N, C-alpha and C. Protein backbone atom coordinates (compact mmCIF):
# COMPACT_ATOMS: atom_id res chain seq x y z
N UNK A 1 89.75 153.14 95.22
CA UNK A 1 91.21 152.03 94.79
C UNK A 1 92.25 152.85 96.25
N UNK A 2 92.70 152.34 95.81
CA UNK A 2 94.26 152.58 96.99
C UNK A 2 95.27 152.52 96.12
N UNK A 3 96.43 153.40 96.53
CA UNK A 3 97.22 153.90 96.00
C UNK A 3 98.57 153.95 96.76
N UNK A 4 99.73 153.92 96.72
CA UNK A 4 100.88 153.51 97.45
C UNK A 4 102.30 154.25 95.84
N UNK A 5 103.03 155.18 96.39
CA UNK A 5 104.50 156.06 95.90
C UNK A 5 105.12 154.34 96.50
N UNK A 6 106.44 154.58 95.42
CA UNK A 6 107.53 153.87 95.41
C UNK A 6 108.39 154.54 95.95
N UNK A 7 109.01 153.86 97.35
CA UNK A 7 110.02 154.55 97.89
C UNK A 7 111.74 154.08 97.04
N UNK A 8 111.49 153.11 96.60
CA UNK A 8 112.12 153.26 95.73
C UNK A 8 112.42 151.51 94.73
N UNK A 9 112.58 152.15 93.56
CA UNK A 9 112.51 151.02 92.26
C UNK A 9 114.13 150.34 91.41
N UNK A 10 114.03 149.53 92.12
CA UNK A 10 115.70 148.42 91.92
C UNK A 10 115.63 147.33 91.74
N UNK A 11 117.00 147.49 90.56
CA UNK A 11 117.32 146.27 89.39
C UNK A 11 118.91 145.77 89.93
N UNK A 12 119.49 144.24 89.85
CA UNK A 12 121.55 144.62 90.02
C UNK A 12 121.58 144.00 88.98
N UNK A 13 123.08 143.44 88.81
CA UNK A 13 123.63 142.45 88.52
C UNK A 13 123.67 140.94 89.67
N UNK A 14 124.72 140.48 88.33
CA UNK A 14 124.91 139.95 89.24
C UNK A 14 126.82 139.55 90.00
N UNK A 15 126.96 139.16 91.00
CA UNK A 15 128.09 139.48 92.18
C UNK A 15 128.44 138.47 92.90
N UNK A 16 129.29 138.37 93.15
CA UNK A 16 130.45 137.59 94.20
C UNK A 16 129.61 137.78 95.51
N UNK A 17 128.54 137.35 96.73
CA UNK A 17 128.10 137.50 98.01
C UNK A 17 128.60 136.85 98.80
N UNK A 18 129.12 137.87 100.01
CA UNK A 18 129.21 137.30 101.53
C UNK A 18 130.42 136.37 101.64
N UNK A 19 131.36 135.99 102.40
CA UNK A 19 132.48 134.85 102.30
C UNK A 19 132.33 133.50 101.27
N UNK A 20 131.23 133.20 101.37
CA UNK A 20 131.28 131.99 100.04
C UNK A 20 131.27 132.67 98.80
N UNK A 21 131.52 133.68 97.94
CA UNK A 21 131.23 134.18 97.02
C UNK A 21 130.47 133.46 96.38
N UNK A 22 129.28 133.39 96.97
CA UNK A 22 128.13 132.96 96.02
C UNK A 22 127.41 134.35 94.94
N UNK A 23 127.55 133.97 93.57
CA UNK A 23 127.48 134.72 92.59
C UNK A 23 125.14 134.58 93.37
N UNK A 24 125.25 135.95 93.09
CA UNK A 24 124.27 136.09 93.45
C UNK A 24 123.54 137.67 93.09
N UNK A 25 121.92 138.21 92.81
CA UNK A 25 121.62 139.79 92.02
C UNK A 25 120.84 140.38 93.51
N UNK A 26 120.78 139.67 94.50
CA UNK A 26 120.44 140.11 95.89
C UNK A 26 121.16 141.97 96.55
N UNK A 27 121.88 141.93 95.65
CA UNK A 27 122.46 144.04 96.04
C UNK A 27 122.05 144.72 94.80
N UNK A 28 121.03 145.19 94.93
CA UNK A 28 120.09 145.58 94.02
C UNK A 28 120.24 147.36 94.30
N UNK A 29 120.77 148.31 93.24
CA UNK A 29 120.87 149.28 93.42
C UNK A 29 119.71 150.28 92.42
N UNK A 30 118.82 151.60 93.71
CA UNK A 30 117.97 152.53 92.94
C UNK A 30 118.38 153.25 91.52
N UNK A 31 116.96 152.82 90.32
CA UNK A 31 117.19 153.70 89.38
C UNK A 31 116.26 155.02 89.50
N UNK A 32 116.75 155.95 88.63
CA UNK A 32 116.07 157.00 87.77
C UNK A 32 115.17 157.34 86.52
N UNK A 33 115.26 155.96 85.97
CA UNK A 33 114.62 155.85 84.80
C UNK A 33 113.97 155.04 84.56
N UNK A 34 113.30 155.46 83.64
CA UNK A 34 111.60 153.80 83.02
C UNK A 34 112.75 153.22 82.92
N UNK A 35 111.90 151.58 83.46
CA UNK A 35 112.61 150.27 83.54
C UNK A 35 110.90 149.73 82.48
N UNK A 36 111.94 148.84 81.59
CA UNK A 36 110.79 148.34 80.79
C UNK A 36 110.63 147.11 81.54
N UNK A 37 109.05 146.25 81.67
CA UNK A 37 109.22 144.87 82.79
C UNK A 37 108.22 144.12 81.54
N UNK A 38 109.24 142.65 81.95
CA UNK A 38 108.90 141.64 81.29
C UNK A 38 107.71 140.68 82.35
N UNK A 39 107.89 139.37 81.33
CA UNK A 39 107.00 138.24 82.48
C UNK A 39 107.92 137.96 83.48
N UNK A 40 108.80 137.93 82.96
CA UNK A 40 110.12 137.15 83.54
C UNK A 40 111.07 138.90 84.80
N UNK A 41 110.59 139.91 84.94
CA UNK A 41 111.61 140.64 85.66
C UNK A 41 111.47 141.83 84.55
N UNK A 42 112.37 142.95 85.83
CA UNK A 42 112.66 144.06 84.86
C UNK A 42 113.96 143.71 84.07
N UNK A 43 113.64 145.06 82.53
CA UNK A 43 115.08 144.11 82.01
C UNK A 43 116.40 144.69 82.74
N UNK A 44 117.18 143.83 82.78
CA UNK A 44 118.61 144.81 83.84
C UNK A 44 119.05 144.27 84.81
N UNK A 45 117.32 143.60 85.73
CA UNK A 45 117.72 142.93 86.77
C UNK A 45 118.16 141.70 86.51
N UNK A 46 118.94 141.11 87.45
CA UNK A 46 119.99 139.75 87.14
C UNK A 46 119.51 138.61 88.50
N UNK A 47 119.86 137.28 88.18
CA UNK A 47 119.64 136.36 89.23
C UNK A 47 120.67 136.29 89.41
N UNK A 48 121.92 135.19 90.04
CA UNK A 48 122.63 134.03 90.37
C UNK A 48 122.71 132.85 90.21
N UNK A 49 120.78 132.56 91.24
CA UNK A 49 120.66 131.05 90.65
C UNK A 49 119.41 132.01 90.52
N UNK A 50 119.25 131.11 88.82
CA UNK A 50 117.74 131.32 87.80
C UNK A 50 116.92 130.16 88.50
N UNK A 51 117.26 128.85 88.80
CA UNK A 51 116.31 128.03 89.10
C UNK A 51 115.79 128.45 89.91
N UNK A 52 116.38 129.06 91.54
CA UNK A 52 115.53 128.94 92.76
C UNK A 52 114.69 131.10 92.75
N UNK A 53 115.37 131.33 91.66
CA UNK A 53 114.60 132.69 91.69
C UNK A 53 114.58 133.29 90.44
N UNK A 54 113.66 134.08 90.78
CA UNK A 54 113.36 134.93 88.73
C UNK A 54 112.25 133.88 88.70
N UNK A 55 112.59 134.63 87.53
CA UNK A 55 111.03 133.67 86.45
C UNK A 55 109.55 134.14 86.65
N UNK A 56 108.63 133.53 85.86
CA UNK A 56 107.72 134.23 85.57
C UNK A 56 106.66 134.70 87.43
N UNK A 57 106.96 133.52 87.90
CA UNK A 57 106.16 133.84 89.30
C UNK A 57 106.64 134.52 90.76
N UNK A 58 108.40 134.99 90.52
CA UNK A 58 108.74 135.97 91.52
C UNK A 58 109.24 137.49 89.97
N UNK A 59 108.46 137.36 89.82
CA UNK A 59 109.27 138.38 88.64
C UNK A 59 109.81 139.46 89.12
N UNK A 60 108.85 140.27 90.02
CA UNK A 60 109.28 141.11 91.24
C UNK A 60 108.79 140.45 92.68
N UNK A 61 110.20 141.56 93.16
CA UNK A 61 110.18 141.13 94.66
C UNK A 61 109.69 142.87 95.32
N UNK A 62 108.86 142.20 96.46
CA UNK A 62 108.40 143.74 96.78
C UNK A 62 108.98 143.61 98.89
N UNK A 63 109.50 144.57 99.20
CA UNK A 63 109.78 143.83 100.69
C UNK A 63 108.93 145.45 101.26
N UNK A 64 108.23 145.22 102.50
CA UNK A 64 107.36 146.54 103.04
C UNK A 64 108.41 147.14 103.92
N UNK A 65 109.24 148.47 103.72
CA UNK A 65 110.08 149.25 104.01
C UNK A 65 109.38 149.14 105.90
N UNK A 66 108.47 149.55 106.09
CA UNK A 66 108.07 149.50 107.68
C UNK A 66 108.56 148.54 108.41
N UNK A 67 109.41 147.47 107.90
CA UNK A 67 109.60 146.07 108.24
C UNK A 67 111.18 146.84 108.46
N UNK A 68 112.06 147.78 108.31
CA UNK A 68 112.94 148.35 108.60
C UNK A 68 113.90 148.11 109.86
N UNK A 69 112.27 149.30 110.42
CA UNK A 69 112.38 149.73 111.94
C UNK A 69 112.57 148.33 112.97
N UNK A 70 111.78 147.33 112.26
CA UNK A 70 111.69 146.27 113.42
C UNK A 70 112.68 145.70 113.16
N UNK A 71 113.33 145.51 112.24
CA UNK A 71 115.02 144.67 111.85
C UNK A 71 116.33 145.70 112.63
N UNK A 72 116.07 147.20 112.92
CA UNK A 72 116.74 147.70 113.19
C UNK A 72 116.26 147.23 114.93
N UNK A 73 114.96 147.47 115.32
CA UNK A 73 115.25 146.84 116.94
C UNK A 73 115.86 145.57 117.11
N UNK A 74 115.81 144.34 116.13
CA UNK A 74 116.21 142.94 115.98
C UNK A 74 117.47 143.07 116.08
N UNK A 75 118.24 143.37 115.53
CA UNK A 75 119.44 143.72 115.31
C UNK A 75 120.04 144.48 115.39
N UNK A 76 119.75 146.05 116.23
CA UNK A 76 120.83 146.79 116.11
C UNK A 76 121.14 147.52 115.09
N UNK A 77 122.16 148.76 115.11
CA UNK A 77 122.42 149.35 114.23
C UNK A 77 123.10 148.47 112.69
N UNK A 78 122.22 148.94 111.43
CA UNK A 78 123.26 147.66 110.37
C UNK A 78 123.02 148.84 109.25
N UNK A 79 124.50 148.55 108.56
CA UNK A 79 124.68 149.40 107.40
C UNK A 79 123.49 149.56 106.78
N UNK A 80 122.86 148.36 106.06
CA UNK A 80 121.74 147.57 105.13
C UNK A 80 120.23 148.43 105.63
N UNK A 81 119.98 148.52 107.02
CA UNK A 81 119.04 149.02 107.03
C UNK A 81 119.07 150.55 107.12
N UNK A 82 119.75 151.42 106.39
CA UNK A 82 119.62 152.80 105.94
C UNK A 82 119.49 152.56 105.27
N UNK A 83 118.35 152.23 104.58
CA UNK A 83 117.49 152.91 103.61
C UNK A 83 117.03 151.29 103.09
N UNK A 84 116.20 151.67 101.72
CA UNK A 84 116.20 150.34 101.33
C UNK A 84 116.96 149.48 100.12
N UNK A 85 115.82 148.47 99.99
CA UNK A 85 117.52 147.48 99.76
C UNK A 85 118.39 146.32 100.31
N UNK A 86 118.61 146.15 101.61
CA UNK A 86 118.93 145.52 102.28
C UNK A 86 117.95 144.21 101.97
N UNK A 87 116.46 143.96 101.33
CA UNK A 87 116.13 142.42 101.16
C UNK A 87 116.45 141.94 100.14
N UNK A 88 116.90 142.96 99.37
CA UNK A 88 117.01 142.33 97.51
C UNK A 88 115.68 142.62 96.58
N UNK A 89 114.84 143.88 97.08
CA UNK A 89 113.76 143.99 96.57
C UNK A 89 113.49 144.99 96.10
N UNK A 90 112.64 144.63 94.17
CA UNK A 90 112.92 145.33 93.37
C UNK A 90 111.81 146.40 93.87
N UNK A 91 110.72 146.91 95.04
CA UNK A 91 110.00 147.51 95.08
C UNK A 91 109.48 147.91 95.99
N UNK A 92 110.07 149.21 97.15
CA UNK A 92 110.11 148.85 98.30
C UNK A 92 108.85 150.32 98.71
N UNK A 93 108.12 150.01 99.48
CA UNK A 93 106.63 150.82 99.99
C UNK A 93 106.57 150.95 101.15
N UNK A 94 105.28 152.22 101.82
CA UNK A 94 105.10 151.86 102.69
C UNK A 94 103.77 152.25 102.97
N UNK A 95 103.18 150.97 103.05
CA UNK A 95 101.25 151.12 103.29
C UNK A 95 101.44 149.21 102.93
N UNK A 96 101.90 149.21 102.85
CA UNK A 96 101.70 147.28 102.27
C UNK A 96 102.51 147.07 103.63
N UNK A 97 102.03 145.23 103.87
CA UNK A 97 102.85 144.52 104.48
C UNK A 97 101.78 143.22 104.31
N UNK A 98 102.33 142.01 104.84
CA UNK A 98 102.15 140.92 104.04
C UNK A 98 100.99 140.37 105.14
N UNK A 99 100.41 140.99 106.10
CA UNK A 99 98.62 141.34 107.06
C UNK A 99 97.68 141.55 106.03
N UNK A 100 97.89 142.66 105.22
CA UNK A 100 96.88 143.34 104.50
C UNK A 100 97.20 142.76 102.74
N UNK A 101 98.12 141.93 102.47
CA UNK A 101 98.20 141.61 100.67
C UNK A 101 97.82 139.85 100.48
N UNK A 102 96.86 139.07 99.68
CA UNK A 102 96.72 138.87 99.40
C UNK A 102 97.02 137.62 98.19
N UNK A 103 97.17 136.52 97.72
CA UNK A 103 97.64 135.80 96.71
C UNK A 103 96.26 136.43 96.44
N UNK A 104 96.42 136.95 94.92
CA UNK A 104 95.33 137.16 93.66
C UNK A 104 95.27 138.64 93.43
N UNK A 105 95.72 139.44 94.30
CA UNK A 105 95.91 140.63 94.51
C UNK A 105 96.68 141.77 93.16
N UNK A 106 95.35 142.22 92.45
CA UNK A 106 96.27 142.83 91.22
C UNK A 106 96.70 144.82 91.34
N UNK A 107 97.40 144.79 91.01
CA UNK A 107 97.90 146.11 90.94
C UNK A 107 98.73 146.23 89.52
N UNK A 108 98.00 148.08 89.94
CA UNK A 108 99.03 148.22 88.36
C UNK A 108 99.93 149.19 88.43
N UNK A 109 101.23 149.52 87.60
CA UNK A 109 102.33 150.08 88.56
C UNK A 109 102.93 150.72 87.07
N UNK A 110 102.53 151.65 86.39
CA UNK A 110 102.76 152.19 85.04
C UNK A 110 101.83 152.20 84.20
N UNK A 111 102.57 151.14 83.12
CA UNK A 111 101.94 150.92 82.07
C UNK A 111 101.81 149.30 82.48
N UNK A 112 102.25 148.79 83.73
CA UNK A 112 102.37 147.11 83.63
C UNK A 112 101.17 146.54 84.38
N UNK A 113 100.17 145.64 84.29
CA UNK A 113 99.98 144.70 85.66
C UNK A 113 99.73 143.98 86.23
N UNK A 114 100.66 143.56 87.85
CA UNK A 114 101.41 143.02 88.64
C UNK A 114 99.56 141.93 89.76
N UNK A 115 100.93 140.71 89.39
CA UNK A 115 99.80 140.11 90.62
C UNK A 115 100.43 138.85 91.44
N UNK A 116 99.83 138.94 92.57
CA UNK A 116 100.61 138.91 93.76
C UNK A 116 100.97 136.88 93.23
N UNK A 117 101.86 136.56 93.63
CA UNK A 117 102.01 134.97 93.31
C UNK A 117 102.41 134.08 94.55
N UNK A 118 103.19 134.37 94.95
CA UNK A 118 103.91 134.44 96.22
C UNK A 118 104.34 134.90 97.65
N UNK A 119 104.10 134.52 98.38
CA UNK A 119 105.35 134.79 99.39
C UNK A 119 106.91 134.76 99.46
N UNK A 120 107.21 135.03 99.71
CA UNK A 120 109.12 135.02 99.34
C UNK A 120 108.85 133.98 100.86
N UNK A 121 110.42 132.49 100.19
CA UNK A 121 110.55 131.70 101.41
C UNK A 121 112.39 132.07 101.14
N UNK A 122 112.21 132.92 102.69
CA UNK A 122 113.78 132.98 102.68
C UNK A 122 115.23 131.77 102.85
N UNK A 123 116.54 131.79 101.74
CA UNK A 123 117.49 131.15 101.40
C UNK A 123 118.28 131.87 102.94
N UNK A 124 119.55 131.11 102.67
CA UNK A 124 120.84 130.79 103.06
C UNK A 124 121.53 132.55 102.96
N UNK A 125 120.72 132.78 101.64
CA UNK A 125 122.02 133.84 100.54
C UNK A 125 121.41 135.04 101.92
N UNK A 126 120.64 135.23 103.22
CA UNK A 126 120.40 136.85 103.46
C UNK A 126 121.06 136.33 104.98
N UNK A 127 121.18 135.10 104.79
CA UNK A 127 122.50 134.99 106.03
C UNK A 127 124.55 135.70 105.53
N UNK A 128 124.40 135.65 104.55
CA UNK A 128 125.81 136.04 103.29
C UNK A 128 125.80 137.53 103.54
N UNK A 129 124.04 137.89 103.00
CA UNK A 129 124.06 139.26 103.36
C UNK A 129 124.26 140.15 104.45
N UNK A 130 123.44 139.41 104.82
CA UNK A 130 123.92 140.51 106.65
C UNK A 130 124.63 139.72 107.04
N UNK A 131 125.94 139.00 106.64
CA UNK A 131 126.64 138.24 107.65
C UNK A 131 126.26 138.04 109.13
N UNK A 132 125.18 137.17 109.51
CA UNK A 132 124.58 136.76 109.67
C UNK A 132 124.16 135.14 110.00
N UNK A 133 124.58 134.14 110.65
CA UNK A 133 123.96 133.01 110.22
C UNK A 133 122.37 132.64 110.54
N UNK A 134 121.62 133.73 111.08
CA UNK A 134 121.13 133.17 111.55
C UNK A 134 119.49 134.01 110.60
N UNK A 135 119.59 135.02 109.58
CA UNK A 135 119.44 135.98 109.07
C UNK A 135 118.04 135.11 108.64
N UNK A 136 118.80 134.60 107.72
CA UNK A 136 117.04 133.45 106.80
C UNK A 136 116.19 132.83 107.77
N UNK A 137 116.62 132.19 109.23
CA UNK A 137 115.57 132.20 109.64
C UNK A 137 115.15 132.96 111.02
N UNK A 138 115.45 134.07 111.30
CA UNK A 138 115.10 134.99 111.13
C UNK A 138 113.07 135.66 110.54
N UNK A 139 113.76 136.00 109.66
CA UNK A 139 113.34 136.16 108.06
C UNK A 139 112.05 134.83 108.04
N UNK A 140 111.91 134.33 108.25
CA UNK A 140 110.82 133.18 108.42
C UNK A 140 110.17 132.84 108.86
N UNK A 141 111.20 133.21 110.71
CA UNK A 141 110.25 132.68 111.96
C UNK A 141 109.21 133.51 112.40
N UNK A 142 109.17 135.50 111.25
CA UNK A 142 108.81 136.77 112.20
C UNK A 142 108.00 136.89 110.85
N UNK A 143 107.82 135.94 109.75
CA UNK A 143 107.29 135.99 108.66
C UNK A 143 107.17 137.93 107.67
N UNK A 144 108.20 138.07 108.34
CA UNK A 144 108.78 139.31 107.67
C UNK A 144 109.15 139.40 106.47
N UNK A 145 109.27 138.68 105.59
CA UNK A 145 109.03 137.95 104.08
C UNK A 145 109.04 138.70 103.13
N UNK A 146 108.01 139.77 102.63
CA UNK A 146 108.25 140.15 101.37
C UNK A 146 107.37 139.29 100.68
N UNK A 147 107.09 139.79 98.89
CA UNK A 147 106.49 138.89 98.20
C UNK A 147 106.79 139.23 97.28
N UNK A 148 106.21 138.10 95.80
CA UNK A 148 106.46 138.06 94.34
C UNK A 148 105.24 138.32 93.97
N UNK A 149 105.88 138.78 92.76
CA UNK A 149 104.37 139.32 91.43
C UNK A 149 104.89 138.79 90.75
N UNK A 150 103.91 137.56 90.14
CA UNK A 150 103.64 137.32 88.15
C UNK A 150 102.95 138.81 87.59
N UNK A 151 103.48 138.66 86.38
CA UNK A 151 103.16 140.00 85.38
C UNK A 151 102.56 139.85 84.37
N UNK A 152 101.27 140.15 84.54
CA UNK A 152 99.98 140.05 83.91
C UNK A 152 99.60 140.30 82.69
N UNK A 153 100.49 142.05 82.44
CA UNK A 153 101.02 142.44 80.87
C UNK A 153 102.11 143.22 81.76
N UNK A 154 102.69 143.11 80.45
CA UNK A 154 104.31 144.08 80.43
C UNK A 154 103.73 145.42 79.88
N UNK A 155 104.97 146.12 80.74
CA UNK A 155 105.29 147.34 80.56
C UNK A 155 105.93 148.30 80.88
N UNK A 156 105.85 149.29 80.93
CA UNK A 156 106.91 150.23 81.62
C UNK A 156 106.63 151.01 83.04
N UNK A 157 107.56 151.12 83.48
CA UNK A 157 107.59 151.48 85.42
C UNK A 157 108.80 152.47 84.98
N UNK A 158 108.01 153.42 86.09
CA UNK A 158 109.38 154.54 86.52
C UNK A 158 109.52 154.70 87.54
N UNK A 159 110.23 154.99 88.52
CA UNK A 159 110.56 155.48 89.72
C UNK A 159 109.16 156.36 90.78
N UNK A 160 108.46 157.30 89.85
CA UNK A 160 107.71 158.29 90.60
C UNK A 160 106.28 157.60 90.07
N UNK A 161 106.17 156.27 89.83
CA UNK A 161 104.52 155.45 89.60
C UNK A 161 104.26 155.31 90.39
N UNK A 162 102.99 154.99 90.69
CA UNK A 162 102.53 154.46 91.96
C UNK A 162 102.01 153.49 91.97
N UNK A 163 102.17 151.95 92.27
CA UNK A 163 101.14 151.02 92.96
C UNK A 163 99.43 150.47 93.20
N UNK A 164 98.48 150.84 92.54
CA UNK A 164 97.60 150.99 92.30
C UNK A 164 97.31 150.39 92.29
N UNK A 165 96.18 149.16 93.46
CA UNK A 165 95.10 147.93 94.25
C UNK A 165 94.15 147.51 93.29
N UNK A 166 93.95 147.20 91.96
CA UNK A 166 93.29 146.69 90.76
C UNK A 166 91.80 145.86 91.46
N UNK A 167 92.05 145.23 92.06
CA UNK A 167 91.76 143.69 91.88
C UNK A 167 91.75 143.08 92.60
N UNK A 168 90.82 142.15 93.83
CA UNK A 168 91.33 141.09 94.84
C UNK A 168 90.27 140.01 94.46
N UNK A 169 91.07 138.77 93.98
CA UNK A 169 90.67 137.35 93.85
C UNK A 169 90.29 136.62 95.23
N UNK A 170 91.19 136.83 96.46
CA UNK A 170 90.95 136.09 97.18
C UNK A 170 91.27 136.86 98.35
N UNK A 171 90.44 137.86 98.68
CA UNK A 171 91.07 139.06 99.90
C UNK A 171 91.28 137.94 101.41
N UNK A 172 91.17 137.13 101.81
CA UNK A 172 90.89 136.34 102.76
C UNK A 172 92.29 135.68 103.50
N UNK A 173 92.82 135.21 101.53
CA UNK A 173 94.27 134.71 101.85
C UNK A 173 94.97 135.88 101.84
N UNK A 174 95.67 135.80 102.83
CA UNK A 174 96.56 137.33 102.41
C UNK A 174 98.31 136.71 103.58
N UNK A 175 98.85 136.69 102.67
CA UNK A 175 100.30 136.35 103.04
C UNK A 175 100.93 135.35 104.39
N UNK A 176 100.69 136.54 104.87
CA UNK A 176 100.55 136.28 106.55
C UNK A 176 99.71 134.72 107.08
N UNK A 177 98.35 134.89 107.05
CA UNK A 177 97.57 132.77 106.39
C UNK A 177 98.15 132.18 105.85
N UNK A 178 98.85 132.24 104.66
CA UNK A 178 99.33 131.26 104.19
C UNK A 178 101.11 131.21 105.20
N UNK A 179 101.93 132.57 105.17
CA UNK A 179 103.17 132.39 106.50
C UNK A 179 102.63 131.42 107.03
N UNK A 180 101.29 131.13 108.38
CA UNK A 180 101.28 131.03 109.40
C UNK A 180 101.63 128.79 109.09
N UNK A 181 100.49 128.62 108.07
CA UNK A 181 100.27 127.35 107.92
C UNK A 181 101.03 127.20 107.04
N UNK A 182 102.00 127.48 106.92
CA UNK A 182 103.41 126.96 106.49
C UNK A 182 104.70 126.80 107.79
N UNK A 183 104.50 127.54 108.66
CA UNK A 183 105.42 127.64 109.53
C UNK A 183 105.72 127.61 111.13
N UNK A 184 104.38 128.20 111.55
CA UNK A 184 104.21 128.09 112.54
C UNK A 184 102.22 126.71 112.68
N UNK A 185 102.11 126.80 111.71
CA UNK A 185 101.22 125.26 111.78
C UNK A 185 100.96 124.96 111.04
N UNK A 186 102.14 123.85 110.86
CA UNK A 186 102.61 123.54 109.49
C UNK A 186 101.25 122.26 109.45
N UNK A 187 100.93 121.79 109.97
CA UNK A 187 100.51 120.57 109.63
C UNK A 187 98.55 120.49 109.81
N UNK A 188 98.65 122.07 109.78
CA UNK A 188 96.85 121.97 110.03
C UNK A 188 96.24 121.76 108.61
N UNK A 189 95.26 120.29 108.90
CA UNK A 189 95.31 119.88 107.44
C UNK A 189 94.29 121.23 106.35
N UNK A 190 93.31 121.36 107.25
CA UNK A 190 92.22 122.37 106.80
C UNK A 190 93.06 123.84 106.13
N UNK A 191 93.85 124.45 106.61
CA UNK A 191 94.90 125.10 105.81
C UNK A 191 95.28 124.31 104.45
N UNK A 192 95.99 123.70 105.14
CA UNK A 192 97.20 123.46 103.64
C UNK A 192 96.19 122.80 102.36
N UNK A 193 95.19 122.03 102.92
CA UNK A 193 93.96 121.81 101.52
C UNK A 193 93.49 123.19 100.94
N UNK A 194 92.66 124.19 101.85
CA UNK A 194 93.16 125.87 100.88
C UNK A 194 93.57 126.20 99.94
N UNK A 195 95.33 125.68 101.11
CA UNK A 195 96.59 126.61 100.34
C UNK A 195 96.13 125.50 98.50
N UNK A 196 96.45 124.52 98.58
CA UNK A 196 96.56 123.52 97.52
C UNK A 196 95.90 123.88 96.73
N UNK A 197 94.36 124.45 96.86
CA UNK A 197 93.50 124.92 96.33
C UNK A 197 93.38 126.05 95.37
N UNK A 198 94.36 126.81 95.84
CA UNK A 198 94.24 127.62 95.19
C UNK A 198 94.65 128.49 94.36
N UNK A 199 93.66 128.87 93.62
CA UNK A 199 93.27 129.49 91.74
C UNK A 199 94.70 130.26 91.79
N UNK A 200 94.84 131.69 92.07
CA UNK A 200 96.12 132.45 91.96
C UNK A 200 97.58 132.01 92.93
N UNK A 201 97.71 130.86 94.02
CA UNK A 201 99.08 131.16 94.20
C UNK A 201 99.76 130.23 93.14
N UNK A 202 101.13 130.13 93.25
CA UNK A 202 102.24 130.00 92.74
C UNK A 202 102.11 128.45 92.61
N UNK A 203 102.62 127.57 91.44
CA UNK A 203 102.32 126.25 91.21
C UNK A 203 103.34 125.48 93.17
N UNK A 204 103.91 125.84 92.52
CA UNK A 204 104.91 125.52 93.30
C UNK A 204 104.80 125.74 94.64
N UNK A 205 104.08 126.09 95.27
CA UNK A 205 103.33 126.31 96.86
C UNK A 205 102.13 125.54 96.86
N UNK A 206 101.50 125.01 95.73
CA UNK A 206 100.21 124.43 96.00
C UNK A 206 100.77 123.16 95.58
N UNK A 207 101.60 122.36 95.40
CA UNK A 207 102.17 121.92 95.18
C UNK A 207 102.90 121.66 97.04
N UNK A 208 103.77 122.04 97.23
CA UNK A 208 104.34 122.29 98.34
C UNK A 208 103.13 121.33 99.85
N UNK A 209 102.01 122.57 99.67
CA UNK A 209 100.99 122.07 100.55
C UNK A 209 100.71 120.83 100.20
N UNK A 210 100.38 120.87 98.59
CA UNK A 210 99.87 118.77 98.70
C UNK A 210 100.80 118.03 98.97
N UNK A 211 102.23 117.93 98.65
CA UNK A 211 102.76 116.97 99.24
C UNK A 211 103.38 117.30 100.94
N UNK A 212 102.73 118.18 101.71
CA UNK A 212 102.73 117.70 102.98
C UNK A 212 101.34 117.54 103.25
N UNK A 213 100.14 117.79 103.10
CA UNK A 213 99.39 116.66 103.03
C UNK A 213 99.67 115.42 102.64
N UNK A 214 100.18 115.05 101.94
CA UNK A 214 100.27 113.20 101.40
C UNK A 214 100.83 113.23 102.34
N UNK A 215 102.17 113.73 103.26
CA UNK A 215 103.51 113.07 103.64
C UNK A 215 102.71 113.27 105.04
N UNK A 216 101.95 113.93 105.51
CA UNK A 216 101.65 114.67 106.83
C UNK A 216 102.66 115.03 107.61
N UNK A 217 104.25 115.12 107.27
CA UNK A 217 104.90 116.04 108.14
C UNK A 217 105.68 116.95 107.34
N UNK A 218 106.25 117.64 107.86
CA UNK A 218 107.09 119.03 107.37
C UNK A 218 108.22 119.29 107.36
N UNK A 219 108.61 119.26 105.97
CA UNK A 219 110.09 118.92 105.41
C UNK A 219 111.20 119.59 106.31
N UNK A 220 112.15 119.49 105.88
CA UNK A 220 113.41 120.09 106.69
C UNK A 220 113.75 121.35 106.25
N UNK A 221 114.09 121.84 106.65
CA UNK A 221 114.32 123.18 106.06
C UNK A 221 116.16 123.85 106.08
N UNK A 222 116.69 122.40 106.64
CA UNK A 222 118.34 123.10 106.90
C UNK A 222 118.95 123.55 105.33
N UNK A 223 118.84 122.91 104.71
CA UNK A 223 119.97 123.10 103.34
C UNK A 223 118.79 124.26 102.64
N UNK A 224 118.09 124.72 102.52
CA UNK A 224 117.43 126.27 102.43
C UNK A 224 118.34 126.88 103.54
N UNK A 225 118.03 126.88 104.84
CA UNK A 225 118.15 127.75 105.31
C UNK A 225 119.21 128.31 105.86
N UNK A 226 120.05 127.07 105.58
CA UNK A 226 122.06 127.58 106.29
C UNK A 226 122.96 126.97 104.57
N UNK A 227 122.07 126.15 103.53
CA UNK A 227 123.08 126.00 103.00
C UNK A 227 123.57 124.75 102.69
N UNK A 228 123.50 124.45 104.00
CA UNK A 228 124.58 123.41 104.66
C UNK A 228 123.28 121.89 104.43
N UNK A 229 124.04 120.78 103.32
CA UNK A 229 123.04 119.60 103.56
C UNK A 229 122.56 119.10 105.11
């Protein structure tokens, strides 16, 4: 049984983001109290775009704190990188990264049970958050994306709770492997076939792999990464 301490438990409200003033809940603050976790996320945590963010398959966002040193190396000193929260994460830890975590992994956190559902697909709001037009593309190209959980059992989570790995359903399907198939070797039909059939992967990502198999082409990422058509 592996356990991981929370460095930070965070929620946020919707506020204007960056020069565009887009409504966003990416700026999350640490809490020092217990939170109720429902099937769609922490009570009190909000999203500016509920079509693309939040919901049952993206109820909780986790981002590894060890990536912050890498980002400082890439970007230089940046005020957002002084502590957790730069990437809109609800959970910050050390000891878990995309190369270790797999789709379907089940964790206990407080009295709640979470399951890894998909990696994060970065969008242009990270550009606004960091004040860098290429930030979302850098997150995608490095694979330092973080990931989402679905909530198998709602419960209560406190900042001093530990994330406890309870079950692995498909340990060979790490988040890094799926990231590589989507963005580095994007027309590898064997990998896409496996992803499309991956039981515990979010339906949207399974459908994404299936569409790519059918079309045999890579979709245009421009609008998602830049916010421009």
